[in-house]
């Protein structure tokens, strides 16, 4: 949550071109949940009781648990950025054409839909996920930055 808060703090508000930056929050484990719909970035973004603050609280109160469903999270983020979920050629009036996803994760994806299209079937928290692949073409023209957190000690 600290990394998410820092990212929110770094977002520019009051752009010179008049088009606001927007931020949305999706948390994920076995499934993906929208914790905050796309919201314009302004000076009140990180204030107590703001939608962003409420999203951070929801994630913190839920705590870690479940599997790591990165594919479902990316699909949900794509649906927010480019309704109905396909950024190939997507443009909305007054929209910022630059789209990005900051993916924060503490583990290897292990539930479908998966980023890896080939290999042995996954689907349990104890194995890496393969097959039932996410259509990454739907995230065309979207920048993706992944940040991994965790320990070098293997989990049992």
N, C-alpha and C. Protein backbone atom coordinates (compact mmCIF):
# COMPACT_ATOMS: atom_id res chain seq x y z
N UNK A 1 0.83 -1.18 0.00
CA UNK A 1 0.00 0.00 0.00
C UNK A 1 0.88 1.25 0.00
N UNK A 2 2.04 1.17 0.62
CA UNK A 2 2.95 2.33 0.63
C UNK A 2 3.40 2.67 -0.79
N UNK A 3 3.67 1.65 -1.61
CA UNK A 3 4.08 1.91 -3.00
C UNK A 3 2.93 2.53 -3.78
N UNK A 4 1.71 2.07 -3.55
CA UNK A 4 0.54 2.62 -4.21
C UNK A 4 0.37 4.10 -3.82
N UNK A 5 0.55 4.40 -2.54
CA UNK A 5 0.43 5.76 -2.05
C UNK A 5 1.50 6.66 -2.67
N UNK A 6 2.72 6.16 -2.77
CA UNK A 6 3.80 6.92 -3.38
C UNK A 6 3.48 7.22 -4.85
N UNK A 7 2.97 6.22 -5.56
CA UNK A 7 2.59 6.43 -6.96
C UNK A 7 1.53 7.52 -7.07
N UNK A 8 0.53 7.48 -6.20
CA UNK A 8 -0.51 8.51 -6.21
C UNK A 8 0.07 9.89 -5.95
N UNK A 9 1.07 9.96 -5.09
CA UNK A 9 1.71 11.23 -4.76
C UNK A 9 2.50 11.78 -5.95
N UNK A 10 3.02 10.90 -6.78
CA UNK A 10 3.85 11.32 -7.91
C UNK A 10 3.04 11.77 -9.13
N UNK A 11 1.75 11.44 -9.16
CA UNK A 11 0.93 11.80 -10.32
C UNK A 11 0.73 13.31 -10.40
N UNK A 12 0.89 13.82 -11.60
CA UNK A 12 0.74 15.26 -11.86
C UNK A 12 -0.73 15.65 -11.89
N UNK A 13 -1.06 16.75 -11.20
CA UNK A 13 -2.40 17.30 -11.35
C UNK A 13 -2.26 18.70 -11.94
N UNK A 14 -3.27 19.17 -12.63
CA UNK A 14 -3.22 20.47 -13.28
C UNK A 14 -2.30 20.50 -14.49
N UNK A 15 -2.47 19.55 -15.39
CA UNK A 15 -1.64 19.49 -16.60
C UNK A 15 -1.85 20.72 -17.47
N UNK A 16 -0.80 21.10 -18.19
CA UNK A 16 -0.86 22.29 -19.04
C UNK A 16 -1.81 22.11 -20.23
N UNK A 17 -2.06 20.86 -20.66
CA UNK A 17 -2.96 20.64 -21.79
C UNK A 17 -4.43 20.56 -21.36
N UNK A 18 -4.69 20.65 -20.05
CA UNK A 18 -6.05 20.65 -19.55
C UNK A 18 -6.69 19.28 -19.42
N UNK A 19 -6.04 18.23 -19.92
CA UNK A 19 -6.59 16.88 -19.81
C UNK A 19 -6.08 16.27 -18.50
N UNK A 20 -6.98 15.91 -17.60
CA UNK A 20 -6.53 15.41 -16.30
C UNK A 20 -5.94 14.00 -16.39
N UNK A 21 -4.95 13.76 -15.55
CA UNK A 21 -4.52 12.38 -15.34
C UNK A 21 -5.60 11.72 -14.50
N UNK A 22 -5.77 10.42 -14.69
CA UNK A 22 -6.74 9.66 -13.90
C UNK A 22 -6.04 8.45 -13.33
N UNK A 23 -6.56 7.97 -12.21
CA UNK A 23 -6.01 6.79 -11.58
C UNK A 23 -7.18 5.91 -11.13
N UNK A 24 -7.00 4.61 -11.26
CA UNK A 24 -7.95 3.63 -10.76
C UNK A 24 -7.16 2.58 -9.99
N UNK A 25 -7.84 1.83 -9.15
CA UNK A 25 -7.17 0.82 -8.34
C UNK A 25 -7.90 -0.51 -8.47
N UNK A 26 -7.14 -1.55 -8.80
CA UNK A 26 -7.65 -2.93 -8.87
C UNK A 26 -6.77 -3.77 -7.96
N UNK A 27 -7.38 -4.47 -7.03
CA UNK A 27 -6.63 -5.43 -6.21
C UNK A 27 -6.95 -6.83 -6.73
N UNK A 28 -6.07 -7.77 -6.43
CA UNK A 28 -6.29 -9.12 -6.94
C UNK A 28 -5.67 -10.16 -6.04
N UNK A 29 -6.28 -11.31 -6.06
CA UNK A 29 -5.75 -12.54 -5.48
C UNK A 29 -6.30 -13.64 -6.37
N UNK A 30 -7.29 -14.41 -5.90
CA UNK A 30 -7.92 -15.41 -6.76
C UNK A 30 -8.71 -14.74 -7.88
N UNK A 31 -9.27 -13.57 -7.60
CA UNK A 31 -10.04 -12.80 -8.56
C UNK A 31 -9.56 -11.35 -8.49
N UNK A 32 -10.07 -10.51 -9.38
CA UNK A 32 -9.71 -9.09 -9.40
C UNK A 32 -10.91 -8.26 -8.95
N UNK A 33 -10.64 -7.23 -8.15
CA UNK A 33 -11.68 -6.36 -7.62
C UNK A 33 -11.33 -4.91 -7.91
N UNK A 34 -12.29 -4.15 -8.44
CA UNK A 34 -12.08 -2.72 -8.63
C UNK A 34 -12.30 -2.05 -7.27
N UNK A 35 -11.24 -1.48 -6.72
CA UNK A 35 -11.33 -0.76 -5.45
C UNK A 35 -11.59 0.72 -5.66
N UNK A 36 -11.25 1.23 -6.84
CA UNK A 36 -11.52 2.62 -7.16
C UNK A 36 -11.63 2.75 -8.68
N UNK A 37 -12.77 3.24 -9.14
CA UNK A 37 -12.93 3.49 -10.58
C UNK A 37 -11.98 4.60 -10.99
N UNK A 38 -11.77 4.77 -12.30
CA UNK A 38 -10.89 5.85 -12.76
C UNK A 38 -11.38 7.18 -12.19
N UNK A 39 -10.46 7.87 -11.56
CA UNK A 39 -10.75 9.11 -10.85
C UNK A 39 -9.75 10.17 -11.28
N UNK A 40 -10.21 11.39 -11.53
CA UNK A 40 -9.31 12.47 -11.89
C UNK A 40 -8.34 12.75 -10.74
N UNK A 41 -7.08 12.96 -11.10
CA UNK A 41 -6.06 13.30 -10.12
C UNK A 41 -6.15 14.80 -9.85
N UNK A 42 -6.30 15.15 -8.58
CA UNK A 42 -6.28 16.55 -8.19
C UNK A 42 -5.56 16.67 -6.85
N UNK A 43 -5.52 17.86 -6.31
CA UNK A 43 -4.79 18.10 -5.06
C UNK A 43 -5.38 17.34 -3.89
N UNK A 44 -6.62 16.86 -4.00
CA UNK A 44 -7.29 16.14 -2.90
C UNK A 44 -7.17 14.63 -3.02
N UNK A 45 -6.44 14.14 -4.00
CA UNK A 45 -6.39 12.70 -4.26
C UNK A 45 -6.07 11.88 -3.02
N UNK A 46 -5.09 12.30 -2.24
CA UNK A 46 -4.62 11.49 -1.12
C UNK A 46 -5.21 11.92 0.23
N UNK A 47 -6.19 12.80 0.22
CA UNK A 47 -6.79 13.26 1.47
C UNK A 47 -7.53 12.12 2.18
N UNK A 48 -7.59 12.18 3.51
CA UNK A 48 -8.39 11.19 4.25
C UNK A 48 -9.84 11.20 3.76
N UNK A 49 -10.39 10.00 3.56
CA UNK A 49 -11.77 9.86 3.11
C UNK A 49 -11.97 9.98 1.61
N UNK A 50 -10.88 10.24 0.86
CA UNK A 50 -10.99 10.31 -0.60
C UNK A 50 -11.17 8.91 -1.17
N UNK A 51 -11.64 8.79 -2.40
CA UNK A 51 -11.76 7.46 -3.01
C UNK A 51 -10.42 6.70 -3.00
N UNK A 52 -9.32 7.40 -3.22
CA UNK A 52 -8.00 6.76 -3.21
C UNK A 52 -7.66 6.25 -1.80
N UNK A 53 -7.93 7.08 -0.80
CA UNK A 53 -7.70 6.67 0.59
C UNK A 53 -8.57 5.47 0.95
N UNK A 54 -9.83 5.49 0.51
CA UNK A 54 -10.73 4.37 0.78
C UNK A 54 -10.25 3.09 0.10
N UNK A 55 -9.69 3.21 -1.11
CA UNK A 55 -9.15 2.03 -1.80
C UNK A 55 -7.97 1.45 -1.03
N UNK A 56 -7.08 2.31 -0.57
CA UNK A 56 -5.93 1.83 0.22
C UNK A 56 -6.41 1.13 1.49
N UNK A 57 -7.41 1.70 2.15
CA UNK A 57 -7.95 1.11 3.38
C UNK A 57 -8.56 -0.26 3.10
N UNK A 58 -9.30 -0.37 2.00
CA UNK A 58 -9.92 -1.66 1.64
C UNK A 58 -8.86 -2.72 1.40
N UNK A 59 -7.80 -2.35 0.73
CA UNK A 59 -6.73 -3.32 0.44
C UNK A 59 -6.01 -3.71 1.72
N UNK A 60 -5.71 -2.74 2.57
CA UNK A 60 -5.02 -3.02 3.83
C UNK A 60 -5.88 -3.89 4.75
N UNK A 61 -7.17 -3.58 4.84
CA UNK A 61 -8.04 -4.35 5.74
C UNK A 61 -8.25 -5.77 5.25
N UNK A 62 -8.22 -5.95 3.92
CA UNK A 62 -8.37 -7.30 3.36
C UNK A 62 -7.14 -8.15 3.61
N UNK A 63 -5.98 -7.53 3.64
CA UNK A 63 -4.72 -8.23 3.88
C UNK A 63 -4.37 -9.19 2.76
N UNK A 64 -3.16 -9.73 2.82
CA UNK A 64 -2.75 -10.68 1.79
C UNK A 64 -3.46 -12.01 1.95
N UNK A 65 -3.60 -12.70 0.85
CA UNK A 65 -4.22 -14.02 0.92
C UNK A 65 -4.61 -14.48 -0.47
N UNK A 66 -4.91 -15.74 -0.59
CA UNK A 66 -5.34 -16.28 -1.87
C UNK A 66 -4.17 -16.50 -2.81
N UNK A 67 -4.53 -16.71 -4.06
CA UNK A 67 -3.55 -16.96 -5.10
C UNK A 67 -3.11 -15.64 -5.74
N UNK A 68 -2.40 -15.72 -6.85
CA UNK A 68 -1.92 -14.52 -7.55
C UNK A 68 -2.48 -14.53 -8.96
N UNK A 69 -3.57 -13.81 -9.16
CA UNK A 69 -4.27 -13.77 -10.44
C UNK A 69 -3.92 -12.53 -11.25
N UNK A 70 -2.69 -12.44 -11.73
CA UNK A 70 -2.23 -11.27 -12.47
C UNK A 70 -3.05 -11.08 -13.76
N UNK A 71 -3.36 -12.15 -14.46
CA UNK A 71 -4.12 -12.04 -15.70
C UNK A 71 -5.47 -11.39 -15.49
N UNK A 72 -6.18 -11.81 -14.45
CA UNK A 72 -7.49 -11.22 -14.16
C UNK A 72 -7.36 -9.75 -13.81
N UNK A 73 -6.31 -9.39 -13.10
CA UNK A 73 -6.08 -7.98 -12.74
C UNK A 73 -5.82 -7.14 -13.99
N UNK A 74 -5.03 -7.65 -14.92
CA UNK A 74 -4.76 -6.91 -16.15
C UNK A 74 -6.02 -6.78 -17.00
N UNK A 75 -6.84 -7.81 -17.03
CA UNK A 75 -8.10 -7.71 -17.77
C UNK A 75 -9.00 -6.64 -17.16
N UNK A 76 -9.08 -6.61 -15.83
CA UNK A 76 -9.92 -5.63 -15.15
C UNK A 76 -9.39 -4.21 -15.38
N UNK A 77 -8.07 -4.05 -15.33
CA UNK A 77 -7.46 -2.74 -15.60
C UNK A 77 -7.73 -2.30 -17.03
N UNK A 78 -7.63 -3.22 -17.97
CA UNK A 78 -7.92 -2.91 -19.37
C UNK A 78 -9.36 -2.48 -19.57
N UNK A 79 -10.28 -3.13 -18.86
CA UNK A 79 -11.69 -2.76 -18.95
C UNK A 79 -11.93 -1.35 -18.41
N UNK A 80 -11.15 -0.95 -17.40
CA UNK A 80 -11.27 0.40 -16.86
C UNK A 80 -10.68 1.43 -17.83
N UNK A 81 -9.52 1.11 -18.37
CA UNK A 81 -8.82 2.06 -19.24
C UNK A 81 -9.52 2.23 -20.59
N UNK A 82 -10.02 1.15 -21.13
CA UNK A 82 -10.57 1.15 -22.49
C UNK A 82 -11.86 0.33 -22.52
N UNK A 83 -12.95 0.87 -21.98
CA UNK A 83 -14.19 0.10 -21.99
C UNK A 83 -14.57 -0.28 -23.41
N UNK A 84 -14.89 -1.50 -23.72
CA UNK A 84 -15.15 -2.62 -22.83
C UNK A 84 -13.95 -3.54 -22.60
N UNK A 85 -12.74 -3.03 -22.61
CA UNK A 85 -11.58 -3.85 -22.30
C UNK A 85 -10.64 -4.10 -23.44
N UNK A 86 -10.73 -3.32 -24.50
CA UNK A 86 -9.86 -3.51 -25.66
C UNK A 86 -9.24 -2.16 -26.03
N UNK A 87 -7.95 -1.99 -25.74
CA UNK A 87 -7.26 -0.71 -25.99
C UNK A 87 -6.73 -0.58 -27.41
N UNK A 88 -6.95 -1.57 -28.27
CA UNK A 88 -6.49 -1.49 -29.65
C UNK A 88 -7.27 -0.40 -30.38
N UNK A 89 -6.63 0.75 -30.60
CA UNK A 89 -7.27 1.84 -31.31
C UNK A 89 -8.31 2.59 -30.51
N UNK A 90 -8.39 2.35 -29.19
CA UNK A 90 -9.41 2.99 -28.36
C UNK A 90 -9.10 4.46 -28.15
N UNK A 91 -10.10 5.29 -28.29
CA UNK A 91 -9.96 6.71 -28.00
C UNK A 91 -11.32 7.24 -27.59
N UNK A 92 -11.35 7.94 -26.45
CA UNK A 92 -12.59 8.55 -25.99
C UNK A 92 -12.41 10.07 -26.00
N UNK A 93 -13.45 10.83 -26.31
CA UNK A 93 -13.34 12.29 -26.34
C UNK A 93 -12.82 12.82 -25.01
N UNK A 94 -11.84 13.72 -25.07
CA UNK A 94 -11.27 14.32 -23.86
C UNK A 94 -10.40 13.38 -23.06
N UNK A 95 -10.10 12.22 -23.61
CA UNK A 95 -9.33 11.20 -22.91
C UNK A 95 -7.84 11.41 -23.18
N UNK A 96 -7.02 11.06 -22.22
CA UNK A 96 -5.58 11.06 -22.40
C UNK A 96 -5.23 9.79 -23.17
N UNK A 97 -4.62 9.93 -24.33
CA UNK A 97 -4.28 8.76 -25.14
C UNK A 97 -3.22 7.89 -24.50
N UNK A 98 -2.42 8.43 -23.61
CA UNK A 98 -1.39 7.65 -22.94
C UNK A 98 -2.03 6.88 -21.79
N UNK A 99 -1.84 5.59 -21.81
CA UNK A 99 -2.42 4.72 -20.79
C UNK A 99 -1.31 3.90 -20.15
N UNK A 100 -1.44 3.64 -18.88
CA UNK A 100 -0.41 2.87 -18.20
C UNK A 100 -0.99 2.07 -17.06
N UNK A 101 -0.31 0.98 -16.75
CA UNK A 101 -0.69 0.12 -15.63
C UNK A 101 0.56 -0.07 -14.78
N UNK A 102 0.43 0.18 -13.49
CA UNK A 102 1.48 -0.13 -12.53
C UNK A 102 1.02 -1.39 -11.81
N UNK A 103 1.72 -2.49 -12.04
CA UNK A 103 1.37 -3.78 -11.47
C UNK A 103 2.27 -4.05 -10.28
N UNK A 104 1.68 -4.15 -9.10
CA UNK A 104 2.43 -4.47 -7.89
C UNK A 104 2.09 -5.91 -7.52
N UNK A 105 3.12 -6.73 -7.33
CA UNK A 105 2.87 -8.14 -7.04
C UNK A 105 3.88 -8.70 -6.05
N UNK A 106 3.44 -9.70 -5.31
CA UNK A 106 4.34 -10.37 -4.37
C UNK A 106 4.54 -11.83 -4.73
N UNK A 107 4.19 -12.21 -5.94
CA UNK A 107 4.36 -13.61 -6.27
C UNK A 107 4.22 -13.91 -7.75
N UNK A 108 4.48 -15.14 -8.09
CA UNK A 108 4.35 -15.64 -9.46
C UNK A 108 2.88 -15.94 -9.70
N UNK A 109 2.38 -15.53 -10.84
CA UNK A 109 0.97 -15.78 -11.14
C UNK A 109 0.70 -17.28 -11.13
N UNK A 110 -0.44 -17.65 -10.53
CA UNK A 110 -0.71 -19.08 -10.40
C UNK A 110 -2.18 -19.45 -10.55
N UNK A 111 -3.00 -18.54 -11.04
CA UNK A 111 -4.39 -18.87 -11.40
C UNK A 111 -4.74 -18.23 -12.73
N UNK A 112 -5.56 -18.92 -13.50
CA UNK A 112 -5.97 -18.43 -14.82
C UNK A 112 -6.92 -17.25 -14.66
N UNK A 113 -6.95 -16.39 -15.68
CA UNK A 113 -6.22 -16.43 -16.93
C UNK A 113 -4.76 -16.06 -16.74
N UNK A 114 -3.91 -16.62 -17.59
CA UNK A 114 -2.47 -16.55 -17.39
C UNK A 114 -1.79 -15.69 -18.45
N UNK A 115 -0.61 -15.20 -18.11
CA UNK A 115 0.21 -14.47 -19.08
C UNK A 115 0.99 -15.43 -19.96
N UNK A 116 1.34 -16.58 -19.42
CA UNK A 116 2.10 -17.59 -20.17
C UNK A 116 1.14 -18.48 -20.94
N UNK A 117 1.18 -18.47 -22.28
CA UNK A 117 0.21 -19.23 -23.05
C UNK A 117 0.48 -20.72 -23.14
N UNK A 118 1.72 -21.16 -22.89
CA UNK A 118 2.04 -22.57 -23.11
C UNK A 118 2.73 -23.15 -21.89
N UNK A 119 2.56 -24.43 -21.72
CA UNK A 119 3.18 -25.14 -20.62
C UNK A 119 2.15 -25.99 -19.91
N UNK A 120 2.56 -26.66 -18.84
CA UNK A 120 1.61 -27.49 -18.11
C UNK A 120 0.52 -26.63 -17.48
N UNK A 121 -0.67 -27.18 -17.40
CA UNK A 121 -1.79 -26.44 -16.82
C UNK A 121 -1.49 -26.06 -15.39
N UNK A 122 -1.82 -24.82 -15.04
CA UNK A 122 -1.69 -24.36 -13.66
C UNK A 122 -3.05 -24.41 -13.01
N UNK A 123 -3.32 -23.46 -12.18
CA UNK A 123 -4.65 -23.38 -11.60
C UNK A 123 -4.71 -23.63 -10.12
N UNK A 124 -3.58 -23.87 -9.50
CA UNK A 124 -3.59 -23.97 -8.04
C UNK A 124 -2.52 -23.03 -7.51
N UNK A 125 -2.66 -22.65 -6.27
CA UNK A 125 -1.72 -21.68 -5.69
C UNK A 125 -0.30 -22.23 -5.60
N UNK A 126 -0.13 -23.50 -5.71
CA UNK A 126 1.21 -24.07 -5.55
C UNK A 126 1.95 -24.26 -6.86
N UNK A 127 1.33 -23.90 -7.98
CA UNK A 127 2.01 -24.09 -9.26
C UNK A 127 1.96 -22.81 -10.09
N UNK A 128 2.90 -22.69 -11.03
CA UNK A 128 2.89 -21.54 -11.93
C UNK A 128 1.77 -21.71 -12.94
N UNK A 129 1.20 -20.61 -13.39
CA UNK A 129 0.04 -20.63 -14.28
C UNK A 129 0.47 -20.66 -15.74
N UNK A 130 -0.11 -21.59 -16.51
CA UNK A 130 0.07 -21.65 -17.95
C UNK A 130 -1.28 -21.92 -18.59
N UNK A 131 -1.44 -21.52 -19.83
CA UNK A 131 -2.67 -21.80 -20.56
C UNK A 131 -3.77 -20.80 -20.25
N UNK A 132 -4.91 -20.89 -20.93
CA UNK A 132 -6.03 -19.96 -20.77
C UNK A 132 -5.51 -18.53 -20.76
N UNK A 133 -4.74 -18.20 -21.79
CA UNK A 133 -3.95 -16.97 -21.82
C UNK A 133 -4.78 -15.70 -21.96
N UNK A 134 -4.28 -14.64 -21.33
CA UNK A 134 -4.82 -13.30 -21.47
C UNK A 134 -4.47 -12.80 -22.87
N UNK A 135 -5.39 -12.12 -23.54
CA UNK A 135 -5.12 -11.55 -24.85
C UNK A 135 -4.40 -10.22 -24.65
N UNK A 136 -3.07 -10.25 -24.67
CA UNK A 136 -2.27 -9.05 -24.43
C UNK A 136 -2.42 -8.01 -25.53
N UNK A 137 -2.91 -8.40 -26.70
CA UNK A 137 -3.17 -7.43 -27.77
C UNK A 137 -4.20 -6.39 -27.33
N UNK A 138 -5.06 -6.77 -26.39
CA UNK A 138 -6.08 -5.84 -25.91
C UNK A 138 -5.48 -4.73 -25.05
N UNK A 139 -4.22 -4.86 -24.69
CA UNK A 139 -3.53 -3.81 -23.94
C UNK A 139 -2.59 -3.00 -24.83
N UNK A 140 -2.80 -3.10 -26.15
CA UNK A 140 -1.96 -2.38 -27.10
C UNK A 140 -1.94 -0.89 -26.75
N UNK A 141 -0.77 -0.29 -26.89
CA UNK A 141 -0.54 1.13 -26.60
C UNK A 141 -0.70 1.45 -25.11
N UNK A 142 -0.60 0.45 -24.26
CA UNK A 142 -0.67 0.66 -22.82
C UNK A 142 0.69 0.31 -22.24
N UNK A 143 1.28 1.23 -21.50
CA UNK A 143 2.55 0.95 -20.84
C UNK A 143 2.27 0.13 -19.59
N UNK A 144 3.10 -0.88 -19.37
CA UNK A 144 2.97 -1.74 -18.20
C UNK A 144 4.29 -1.74 -17.46
N UNK A 145 4.23 -1.40 -16.18
CA UNK A 145 5.41 -1.46 -15.31
C UNK A 145 5.06 -2.42 -14.18
N UNK A 146 5.89 -3.42 -13.99
CA UNK A 146 5.67 -4.39 -12.91
C UNK A 146 6.71 -4.20 -11.82
N UNK A 147 6.25 -4.19 -10.59
CA UNK A 147 7.13 -4.08 -9.43
C UNK A 147 6.86 -5.28 -8.54
N UNK A 148 7.91 -6.05 -8.28
CA UNK A 148 7.77 -7.24 -7.43
C UNK A 148 8.22 -6.94 -6.01
N UNK A 149 7.46 -7.46 -5.06
CA UNK A 149 7.79 -7.33 -3.65
C UNK A 149 7.94 -8.73 -3.07
N UNK A 150 8.70 -8.86 -2.05
CA UNK A 150 8.76 -10.14 -1.38
C UNK A 150 10.14 -10.50 -0.92
N UNK A 151 10.28 -11.74 -0.60
CA UNK A 151 11.50 -12.28 -0.03
C UNK A 151 12.14 -13.25 -1.01
N UNK A 152 13.43 -13.41 -0.91
CA UNK A 152 14.10 -14.39 -1.74
C UNK A 152 13.95 -15.79 -1.16
N UNK A 153 13.39 -15.90 0.03
CA UNK A 153 13.16 -17.20 0.65
C UNK A 153 11.93 -17.84 0.04
N UNK A 154 12.07 -19.06 -0.53
CA UNK A 154 10.91 -19.72 -1.12
C UNK A 154 9.82 -20.00 -0.08
N UNK A 155 8.56 -19.88 -0.52
CA UNK A 155 7.44 -20.25 0.35
C UNK A 155 7.26 -21.76 0.30
N UNK A 156 6.74 -22.31 1.37
CA UNK A 156 6.45 -23.75 1.34
C UNK A 156 4.98 -23.98 1.22
